């Protein structure tokens, strides 16, 4: 696993937990295993390895749940956003790629846990239906006016 020096920040949806990383590993992946499906509440979870010495919690800290005797899952105790997978014996932790302010920096390169991969995801035969504005036009203004989601950048305080 190669260490890649970078500068990136991220955090949970409500802004109670924020982090900054100075390096990542070249391990950006999605995991289909059943434990990851349950932790994400989704079909799979996207993760990237971060050396333990390269992460700083800049606001709050994740709550954790020991999903086994070998690993814990970290999440925001306020809003529930999944933030990490921590295999205790590893020199790194895995952060959820979607919790980064710019998740596009770390596209997945591989898949794990394919024994639990749903057949639908062997390839994605789904058609595109449009942007959020196009498909939820009547609600977009009301959602924007009442949005409690932390912005995709660091803030001195939250809510501002």
N, C-alpha and C. Protein backbone atom coordinates (compact mmCIF):
# COMPACT_ATOMS: atom_id res chain seq x y z
N UNK A 1 0.84 -1.18 0.00
CA UNK A 1 0.00 0.00 0.00
C UNK A 1 0.88 1.24 0.00
N UNK A 2 0.72 2.04 -1.01
CA UNK A 2 1.49 3.27 -1.11
C UNK A 2 0.80 4.39 -0.33
N UNK A 3 1.62 5.16 0.37
CA UNK A 3 1.14 6.35 1.09
C UNK A 3 1.16 7.52 0.12
N UNK A 4 0.05 8.23 0.03
CA UNK A 4 -0.06 9.38 -0.87
C UNK A 4 -0.28 10.63 -0.02
N UNK A 5 0.68 11.54 -0.07
CA UNK A 5 0.54 12.78 0.69
C UNK A 5 -0.54 13.64 0.04
N UNK A 6 -1.43 14.19 0.84
CA UNK A 6 -2.53 14.99 0.33
C UNK A 6 -3.04 15.87 1.46
N UNK A 7 -3.94 16.75 1.16
CA UNK A 7 -4.64 17.55 2.17
C UNK A 7 -6.12 17.42 1.85
N UNK A 8 -6.87 16.88 2.79
CA UNK A 8 -8.31 16.71 2.57
C UNK A 8 -9.02 16.76 3.91
N UNK A 9 -10.23 17.25 3.88
CA UNK A 9 -11.05 17.34 5.10
C UNK A 9 -12.40 16.70 4.83
N UNK A 10 -13.09 16.42 5.92
CA UNK A 10 -14.42 15.85 5.80
C UNK A 10 -15.10 15.82 7.14
N UNK A 11 -16.25 15.20 7.17
CA UNK A 11 -16.98 15.08 8.42
C UNK A 11 -18.38 14.57 8.19
N UNK A 12 -19.16 14.65 9.25
CA UNK A 12 -20.52 14.13 9.22
C UNK A 12 -21.49 15.13 8.61
N UNK A 13 -22.72 14.70 8.48
CA UNK A 13 -23.74 15.54 7.86
C UNK A 13 -24.08 16.75 8.71
N UNK A 14 -24.13 16.61 10.03
CA UNK A 14 -24.55 17.74 10.87
C UNK A 14 -23.40 18.66 11.28
N UNK A 15 -22.15 18.24 11.07
CA UNK A 15 -21.00 19.08 11.40
C UNK A 15 -20.46 18.90 12.79
N UNK A 16 -21.02 17.99 13.58
CA UNK A 16 -20.53 17.77 14.95
C UNK A 16 -19.17 17.09 14.96
N UNK A 17 -18.84 16.33 13.91
CA UNK A 17 -17.55 15.65 13.81
C UNK A 17 -16.90 16.05 12.50
N UNK A 18 -15.67 16.55 12.57
CA UNK A 18 -14.90 16.95 11.40
C UNK A 18 -13.50 16.37 11.54
N UNK A 19 -12.85 16.12 10.40
CA UNK A 19 -11.48 15.61 10.41
C UNK A 19 -10.68 16.23 9.27
N UNK A 20 -9.36 16.12 9.38
CA UNK A 20 -8.44 16.53 8.34
C UNK A 20 -7.41 15.41 8.18
N UNK A 21 -7.08 15.08 6.94
CA UNK A 21 -6.04 14.08 6.68
C UNK A 21 -4.91 14.71 5.89
N UNK A 22 -3.69 14.24 6.18
CA UNK A 22 -2.51 14.71 5.46
C UNK A 22 -1.95 13.64 4.52
N UNK A 23 -2.54 12.46 4.56
CA UNK A 23 -2.13 11.37 3.67
C UNK A 23 -3.25 10.33 3.62
N UNK A 24 -3.29 9.61 2.51
CA UNK A 24 -4.19 8.47 2.35
C UNK A 24 -3.36 7.32 1.77
N UNK A 25 -3.94 6.15 1.75
CA UNK A 25 -3.31 5.01 1.10
C UNK A 25 -4.00 4.78 -0.24
N UNK A 26 -3.34 4.08 -1.13
CA UNK A 26 -3.93 3.82 -2.45
C UNK A 26 -4.89 2.63 -2.37
N UNK A 27 -5.83 2.71 -1.42
CA UNK A 27 -6.74 1.60 -1.15
C UNK A 27 -8.20 1.97 -1.31
N UNK A 28 -8.50 3.02 -2.03
CA UNK A 28 -9.89 3.43 -2.17
C UNK A 28 -10.70 2.28 -2.78
N UNK A 29 -11.77 1.89 -2.08
CA UNK A 29 -12.51 0.71 -2.50
C UNK A 29 -13.95 0.78 -2.03
N UNK A 30 -14.73 -0.13 -2.56
CA UNK A 30 -16.06 -0.36 -2.01
C UNK A 30 -16.07 -1.77 -1.45
N UNK A 31 -16.84 -1.96 -0.37
CA UNK A 31 -16.94 -3.28 0.24
C UNK A 31 -18.41 -3.69 0.26
N UNK A 32 -18.67 -4.88 -0.24
CA UNK A 32 -20.02 -5.41 -0.34
C UNK A 32 -20.36 -6.36 0.81
N UNK A 33 -19.41 -6.63 1.72
CA UNK A 33 -19.68 -7.64 2.75
C UNK A 33 -20.91 -7.27 3.57
N UNK A 34 -21.54 -8.27 4.14
CA UNK A 34 -22.79 -8.03 4.85
C UNK A 34 -22.61 -7.09 6.02
N UNK A 35 -21.47 -7.15 6.72
CA UNK A 35 -21.24 -6.26 7.85
C UNK A 35 -21.15 -4.81 7.37
N UNK A 36 -20.50 -4.56 6.25
CA UNK A 36 -20.43 -3.20 5.71
C UNK A 36 -21.80 -2.74 5.21
N UNK A 37 -22.57 -3.64 4.63
CA UNK A 37 -23.92 -3.28 4.21
C UNK A 37 -24.74 -2.80 5.41
N UNK A 38 -24.65 -3.52 6.51
CA UNK A 38 -25.41 -3.14 7.70
C UNK A 38 -24.89 -1.82 8.27
N UNK A 39 -23.56 -1.65 8.33
CA UNK A 39 -22.99 -0.43 8.90
C UNK A 39 -23.36 0.81 8.10
N UNK A 40 -23.46 0.67 6.78
CA UNK A 40 -23.79 1.80 5.92
C UNK A 40 -25.29 1.95 5.73
N UNK A 41 -26.04 0.88 6.03
CA UNK A 41 -27.46 0.90 5.73
C UNK A 41 -27.68 0.99 4.24
N UNK A 42 -26.81 0.33 3.48
CA UNK A 42 -26.83 0.45 2.04
C UNK A 42 -26.32 -0.82 1.40
N UNK A 43 -26.27 -0.85 0.07
CA UNK A 43 -25.83 -2.03 -0.66
C UNK A 43 -24.34 -2.31 -0.49
N UNK A 44 -23.54 -1.27 -0.27
CA UNK A 44 -22.10 -1.38 -0.05
C UNK A 44 -21.64 -0.11 0.64
N UNK A 45 -20.38 -0.09 1.04
CA UNK A 45 -19.81 1.12 1.63
C UNK A 45 -18.52 1.45 0.87
N UNK A 46 -18.24 2.72 0.70
CA UNK A 46 -17.01 3.17 0.05
C UNK A 46 -16.05 3.64 1.15
N UNK A 47 -14.80 3.15 1.10
CA UNK A 47 -13.80 3.43 2.14
C UNK A 47 -12.45 3.72 1.51
N UNK A 48 -11.61 4.44 2.27
CA UNK A 48 -10.21 4.63 1.88
C UNK A 48 -9.36 4.58 3.14
N UNK A 49 -8.23 3.90 3.04
CA UNK A 49 -7.30 3.79 4.15
C UNK A 49 -6.57 5.10 4.42
N UNK A 50 -6.42 5.41 5.71
CA UNK A 50 -5.69 6.60 6.14
C UNK A 50 -4.74 6.18 7.26
N UNK A 51 -3.43 6.43 7.11
CA UNK A 51 -2.51 6.11 8.20
C UNK A 51 -2.96 6.81 9.48
N UNK A 52 -2.84 6.11 10.59
CA UNK A 52 -3.31 6.68 11.87
C UNK A 52 -2.63 8.00 12.20
N UNK A 53 -1.37 8.16 11.78
CA UNK A 53 -0.67 9.41 12.10
C UNK A 53 -1.03 10.55 11.15
N UNK A 54 -1.92 10.27 10.18
CA UNK A 54 -2.26 11.29 9.17
C UNK A 54 -3.66 11.86 9.37
N UNK A 55 -4.35 11.48 10.44
CA UNK A 55 -5.69 11.99 10.66
C UNK A 55 -5.74 12.79 11.95
N UNK A 56 -6.40 13.94 11.86
CA UNK A 56 -6.64 14.80 13.02
C UNK A 56 -8.14 15.06 13.10
N UNK A 57 -8.71 14.81 14.26
CA UNK A 57 -10.13 15.13 14.49
C UNK A 57 -10.20 16.60 14.86
N UNK A 58 -10.77 17.42 14.00
CA UNK A 58 -10.76 18.87 14.20
C UNK A 58 -12.00 19.39 14.93
N UNK A 59 -13.05 18.60 14.96
CA UNK A 59 -14.24 18.95 15.75
C UNK A 59 -14.91 17.65 16.18
N UNK A 60 -15.09 17.49 17.47
CA UNK A 60 -15.74 16.29 17.99
C UNK A 60 -14.95 15.04 17.71
N UNK A 61 -15.52 13.92 18.07
CA UNK A 61 -14.93 12.61 17.80
C UNK A 61 -16.07 11.65 17.49
N UNK A 62 -15.79 10.66 16.65
CA UNK A 62 -16.86 9.71 16.33
C UNK A 62 -17.22 8.83 17.53
N UNK A 63 -18.48 8.48 17.62
CA UNK A 63 -18.91 7.41 18.51
C UNK A 63 -18.52 6.11 17.82
N UNK A 64 -18.40 5.03 18.58
CA UNK A 64 -18.01 3.76 17.96
C UNK A 64 -18.90 2.62 18.43
N UNK A 65 -18.96 1.62 17.59
CA UNK A 65 -19.64 0.37 17.89
C UNK A 65 -18.70 -0.75 17.47
N UNK A 66 -18.36 -1.63 18.39
CA UNK A 66 -17.50 -2.77 18.05
C UNK A 66 -18.34 -3.79 17.29
N UNK A 67 -18.17 -3.81 15.98
CA UNK A 67 -18.93 -4.72 15.14
C UNK A 67 -18.42 -6.15 15.25
N UNK A 68 -17.25 -6.32 15.82
CA UNK A 68 -16.68 -7.62 16.14
C UNK A 68 -15.61 -7.40 17.21
N UNK A 69 -14.97 -8.47 17.64
CA UNK A 69 -13.87 -8.31 18.59
C UNK A 69 -12.62 -7.76 17.92
N UNK A 70 -12.63 -7.67 16.61
CA UNK A 70 -11.46 -7.22 15.83
C UNK A 70 -11.59 -5.83 15.26
N UNK A 71 -12.80 -5.27 15.25
CA UNK A 71 -12.98 -4.00 14.55
C UNK A 71 -14.14 -3.19 15.13
N UNK A 72 -14.07 -1.89 14.90
CA UNK A 72 -15.15 -0.98 15.31
C UNK A 72 -15.59 -0.16 14.11
N UNK A 73 -16.82 0.30 14.18
CA UNK A 73 -17.38 1.21 13.20
C UNK A 73 -17.56 2.55 13.90
N UNK A 74 -17.16 3.62 13.25
CA UNK A 74 -17.30 4.96 13.81
C UNK A 74 -18.36 5.74 13.08
N UNK A 75 -19.09 6.54 13.82
CA UNK A 75 -20.20 7.31 13.25
C UNK A 75 -20.42 8.54 14.11
N UNK A 76 -21.14 9.51 13.59
CA UNK A 76 -21.49 10.69 14.37
C UNK A 76 -22.58 10.29 15.36
N UNK A 77 -22.35 10.58 16.63
CA UNK A 77 -23.34 10.27 17.66
C UNK A 77 -24.56 11.16 17.60
N UNK A 78 -24.47 12.29 16.87
CA UNK A 78 -25.61 13.20 16.75
C UNK A 78 -26.49 12.88 15.54
N UNK A 79 -25.88 12.74 14.36
CA UNK A 79 -26.69 12.55 13.14
C UNK A 79 -26.60 11.14 12.57
N UNK A 80 -25.65 10.33 13.04
CA UNK A 80 -25.55 8.94 12.60
C UNK A 80 -24.72 8.69 11.36
N UNK A 81 -24.12 9.72 10.77
CA UNK A 81 -23.33 9.53 9.55
C UNK A 81 -22.23 8.50 9.78
N UNK A 82 -22.13 7.44 8.97
CA UNK A 82 -21.01 6.50 9.08
C UNK A 82 -19.72 7.21 8.69
N UNK A 83 -18.68 7.07 9.52
CA UNK A 83 -17.43 7.78 9.27
C UNK A 83 -16.21 6.88 9.09
N UNK A 84 -16.18 5.71 9.74
CA UNK A 84 -14.96 4.92 9.66
C UNK A 84 -15.17 3.45 9.99
N UNK A 85 -14.20 2.68 9.54
CA UNK A 85 -14.03 1.28 9.89
C UNK A 85 -12.63 1.16 10.46
N UNK A 86 -12.50 0.64 11.67
CA UNK A 86 -11.21 0.55 12.35
C UNK A 86 -10.91 -0.90 12.71
N UNK A 87 -10.05 -1.53 11.91
CA UNK A 87 -9.54 -2.86 12.24
C UNK A 87 -8.40 -2.64 13.23
N UNK A 88 -8.58 -3.08 14.46
CA UNK A 88 -7.69 -2.71 15.56
C UNK A 88 -6.22 -3.03 15.32
N UNK A 89 -5.91 -4.10 14.62
CA UNK A 89 -4.51 -4.52 14.42
C UNK A 89 -3.83 -3.82 13.26
N UNK A 90 -4.54 -2.98 12.55
CA UNK A 90 -4.00 -2.31 11.37
C UNK A 90 -3.28 -1.02 11.74
N UNK A 91 -2.34 -0.61 10.89
CA UNK A 91 -1.64 0.65 11.07
C UNK A 91 -2.42 1.82 10.48
N UNK A 92 -3.58 1.54 9.93
CA UNK A 92 -4.42 2.59 9.36
C UNK A 92 -5.87 2.34 9.74
N UNK A 93 -6.69 3.36 9.52
CA UNK A 93 -8.14 3.19 9.62
C UNK A 93 -8.71 3.48 8.24
N UNK A 94 -9.93 3.08 8.03
CA UNK A 94 -10.61 3.36 6.77
C UNK A 94 -11.69 4.39 7.03
N UNK A 95 -11.62 5.51 6.34
CA UNK A 95 -12.66 6.53 6.42
C UNK A 95 -13.66 6.31 5.30
N UNK A 96 -14.91 6.66 5.55
CA UNK A 96 -15.92 6.56 4.50
C UNK A 96 -15.63 7.65 3.46
N UNK A 97 -15.52 7.24 2.23
CA UNK A 97 -15.17 8.17 1.16
C UNK A 97 -16.22 9.27 1.01
N UNK A 98 -17.47 8.93 1.19
CA UNK A 98 -18.54 9.90 1.05
C UNK A 98 -18.54 10.98 2.12
N UNK A 99 -17.80 10.76 3.22
CA UNK A 99 -17.75 11.79 4.27
C UNK A 99 -16.70 12.86 3.99
N UNK A 100 -15.86 12.67 2.97
CA UNK A 100 -14.91 13.71 2.58
C UNK A 100 -15.65 14.87 1.93
N UNK A 101 -15.14 16.08 2.11
CA UNK A 101 -15.75 17.25 1.47
C UNK A 101 -15.75 17.12 -0.05
N UNK A 102 -14.74 16.47 -0.60
CA UNK A 102 -14.66 16.23 -2.03
C UNK A 102 -14.41 14.75 -2.27
N UNK A 103 -15.44 13.93 -2.17
CA UNK A 103 -15.23 12.49 -2.31
C UNK A 103 -14.72 12.08 -3.69
N UNK A 104 -14.89 12.94 -4.69
CA UNK A 104 -14.39 12.64 -6.02
C UNK A 104 -12.88 12.55 -6.11
N UNK A 105 -12.18 13.04 -5.07
CA UNK A 105 -10.71 12.93 -5.04
C UNK A 105 -10.25 11.48 -4.95
N UNK A 106 -11.12 10.60 -4.43
CA UNK A 106 -10.71 9.24 -4.11
C UNK A 106 -11.64 8.21 -4.74
N UNK A 107 -11.66 8.11 -6.07
CA UNK A 107 -12.55 7.14 -6.71
C UNK A 107 -12.15 5.71 -6.34
N UNK A 108 -13.13 4.84 -6.17
CA UNK A 108 -12.79 3.46 -5.82
C UNK A 108 -12.00 2.77 -6.92
N UNK A 109 -11.01 1.98 -6.50
CA UNK A 109 -10.15 1.25 -7.43
C UNK A 109 -10.42 -0.25 -7.40
N UNK A 110 -11.07 -0.72 -6.33
CA UNK A 110 -11.28 -2.16 -6.19
C UNK A 110 -12.53 -2.44 -5.37
N UNK A 111 -12.91 -3.71 -5.36
CA UNK A 111 -14.08 -4.16 -4.61
C UNK A 111 -13.67 -5.30 -3.69
N UNK A 112 -14.22 -5.31 -2.49
CA UNK A 112 -14.03 -6.40 -1.55
C UNK A 112 -15.40 -6.94 -1.14
N UNK A 113 -15.39 -8.06 -0.44
CA UNK A 113 -16.63 -8.64 0.07
C UNK A 113 -17.60 -9.04 -1.01
N UNK A 114 -17.07 -9.45 -2.16
CA UNK A 114 -17.94 -9.72 -3.30
C UNK A 114 -18.85 -10.93 -3.07
N UNK A 115 -18.57 -11.72 -2.02
CA UNK A 115 -19.47 -12.84 -1.73
C UNK A 115 -20.88 -12.37 -1.39
N UNK A 116 -21.01 -11.13 -0.91
CA UNK A 116 -22.32 -10.58 -0.55
C UNK A 116 -22.80 -9.52 -1.55
N UNK A 117 -22.03 -9.31 -2.62
CA UNK A 117 -22.42 -8.32 -3.61
C UNK A 117 -23.76 -8.72 -4.24
N UNK A 118 -24.66 -7.78 -4.30
CA UNK A 118 -25.95 -8.03 -4.94
C UNK A 118 -25.75 -8.16 -6.44
N UNK A 119 -26.46 -9.09 -7.08
CA UNK A 119 -26.28 -9.29 -8.53
C UNK A 119 -26.46 -8.01 -9.33
N UNK A 120 -27.29 -7.10 -8.87
CA UNK A 120 -27.52 -5.83 -9.57
C UNK A 120 -26.22 -5.07 -9.78
N UNK A 121 -25.25 -5.22 -8.86
CA UNK A 121 -24.04 -4.42 -8.92
C UNK A 121 -22.88 -5.10 -9.64
N UNK A 122 -23.14 -6.23 -10.29
CA UNK A 122 -22.13 -6.81 -11.16
C UNK A 122 -21.89 -5.85 -12.33
N UNK A 123 -22.93 -5.17 -12.72
CA UNK A 123 -22.88 -4.02 -13.62
C UNK A 123 -24.11 -3.21 -13.29
N UNK A 124 -24.09 -1.93 -13.55
CA UNK A 124 -25.22 -1.08 -13.19
C UNK A 124 -26.10 -0.80 -14.40
N UNK A 125 -27.16 -1.60 -14.55
CA UNK A 125 -28.03 -1.41 -15.71
C UNK A 125 -29.13 -0.38 -15.46
N UNK A 126 -28.87 0.57 -14.60
CA UNK A 126 -29.89 1.55 -14.23
C UNK A 126 -29.78 2.77 -15.12
N UNK A 127 -30.91 3.28 -15.54
CA UNK A 127 -30.90 4.48 -16.37
C UNK A 127 -30.86 5.71 -15.47
N UNK A 128 -30.30 6.77 -15.99
CA UNK A 128 -30.24 8.04 -15.27
C UNK A 128 -31.57 8.75 -15.41
N UNK A 129 -32.06 9.31 -14.31
CA UNK A 129 -33.35 10.00 -14.33
C UNK A 129 -33.22 11.51 -14.27
N UNK A 130 -32.05 12.04 -13.94
CA UNK A 130 -31.88 13.49 -13.91
C UNK A 130 -31.26 13.97 -12.61
N UNK A 131 -31.07 15.27 -12.53
CA UNK A 131 -30.48 15.88 -11.35
C UNK A 131 -31.52 15.98 -10.23
N UNK A 132 -31.06 16.28 -9.03
CA UNK A 132 -31.98 16.45 -7.90
C UNK A 132 -32.98 17.56 -8.21
N UNK A 133 -32.51 18.66 -8.77
CA UNK A 133 -33.42 19.76 -9.12
C UNK A 133 -34.48 19.32 -10.11
N UNK A 134 -34.10 18.49 -11.06
CA UNK A 134 -35.05 18.04 -12.07
C UNK A 134 -36.07 17.05 -11.50
N UNK A 135 -35.63 16.14 -10.65
CA UNK A 135 -36.52 15.09 -10.17
C UNK A 135 -37.31 15.48 -8.92
N UNK A 136 -36.85 16.49 -8.19
CA UNK A 136 -37.54 16.92 -6.97
C UNK A 136 -37.85 18.41 -7.01
N UNK A 137 -38.14 18.92 -8.20
CA UNK A 137 -38.31 20.35 -8.44
C UNK A 137 -39.18 21.05 -7.40
N UNK A 138 -40.31 20.46 -7.05
CA UNK A 138 -41.25 21.11 -6.13
C UNK A 138 -40.69 21.24 -4.72
N UNK A 139 -39.72 20.40 -4.34
CA UNK A 139 -39.20 20.41 -2.98
C UNK A 139 -37.86 21.12 -2.82
N UNK A 140 -37.15 21.35 -3.89
CA UNK A 140 -35.79 21.88 -3.81
C UNK A 140 -35.71 23.18 -3.03
N UNK A 141 -36.59 24.12 -3.29
CA UNK A 141 -36.56 25.40 -2.58
C UNK A 141 -36.80 25.24 -1.09
N UNK A 142 -37.76 24.43 -0.71
CA UNK A 142 -38.07 24.21 0.71
C UNK A 142 -36.92 23.50 1.41
N UNK A 143 -36.29 22.55 0.74
CA UNK A 143 -35.16 21.84 1.33
C UNK A 143 -33.98 22.79 1.52
N UNK A 144 -33.66 23.59 0.51
CA UNK A 144 -32.55 24.55 0.63
C UNK A 144 -32.80 25.56 1.74
N UNK A 145 -34.03 26.01 1.88
CA UNK A 145 -34.37 27.02 2.89
C UNK A 145 -34.29 26.47 4.31
N UNK A 146 -34.41 25.15 4.47
CA UNK A 146 -34.40 24.56 5.82
C UNK A 146 -33.23 23.59 5.99
N UNK A 147 -32.20 23.73 5.18
CA UNK A 147 -31.07 22.80 5.20
C UNK A 147 -30.25 22.94 6.48
N UNK A 148 -30.06 21.84 7.18
CA UNK A 148 -29.24 21.80 8.39
C UNK A 148 -27.92 21.07 8.15
N UNK A 149 -27.62 20.72 6.91
CA UNK A 149 -26.42 19.97 6.59
C UNK A 149 -25.20 20.89 6.61
N UNK A 150 -24.12 20.39 7.22
CA UNK A 150 -22.86 21.13 7.26
C UNK A 150 -22.34 21.30 5.84
N UNK A 151 -21.78 22.47 5.49
CA UNK A 151 -21.25 22.66 4.13
C UNK A 151 -20.02 21.79 3.91
N UNK A 152 -19.65 21.59 2.65
CA UNK A 152 -18.49 20.79 2.31
C UNK A 152 -17.20 21.58 2.39
N UNK A 153 -16.95 22.14 3.56
CA UNK A 153 -15.68 22.81 3.86
C UNK A 153 -15.63 23.03 5.36
N UNK A 154 -14.42 23.28 5.87
CA UNK A 154 -14.26 23.53 7.30
C UNK A 154 -14.91 24.86 7.68
N UNK A 155 -15.46 24.91 8.87
CA UNK A 155 -16.04 26.14 9.42
C UNK A 155 -15.47 26.32 10.82
N UNK A 156 -15.37 27.56 11.26
CA UNK A 156 -14.86 27.83 12.60
C UNK A 156 -15.78 27.29 13.68
N UNK A 157 -17.07 27.44 13.46
CA UNK A 157 -18.06 26.92 14.38
C UNK A 157 -19.22 26.35 13.56
N UNK A 158 -20.04 25.57 14.19
CA UNK A 158 -21.23 25.06 13.52
C UNK A 158 -22.30 24.81 14.55
N UNK A 159 -23.53 25.22 14.32
CA UNK A 159 -23.89 26.04 13.17
C UNK A 159 -23.26 27.42 13.25
N UNK A 160 -23.08 28.01 12.08
CA UNK A 160 -22.40 29.32 12.01
C UNK A 160 -23.25 30.40 12.63
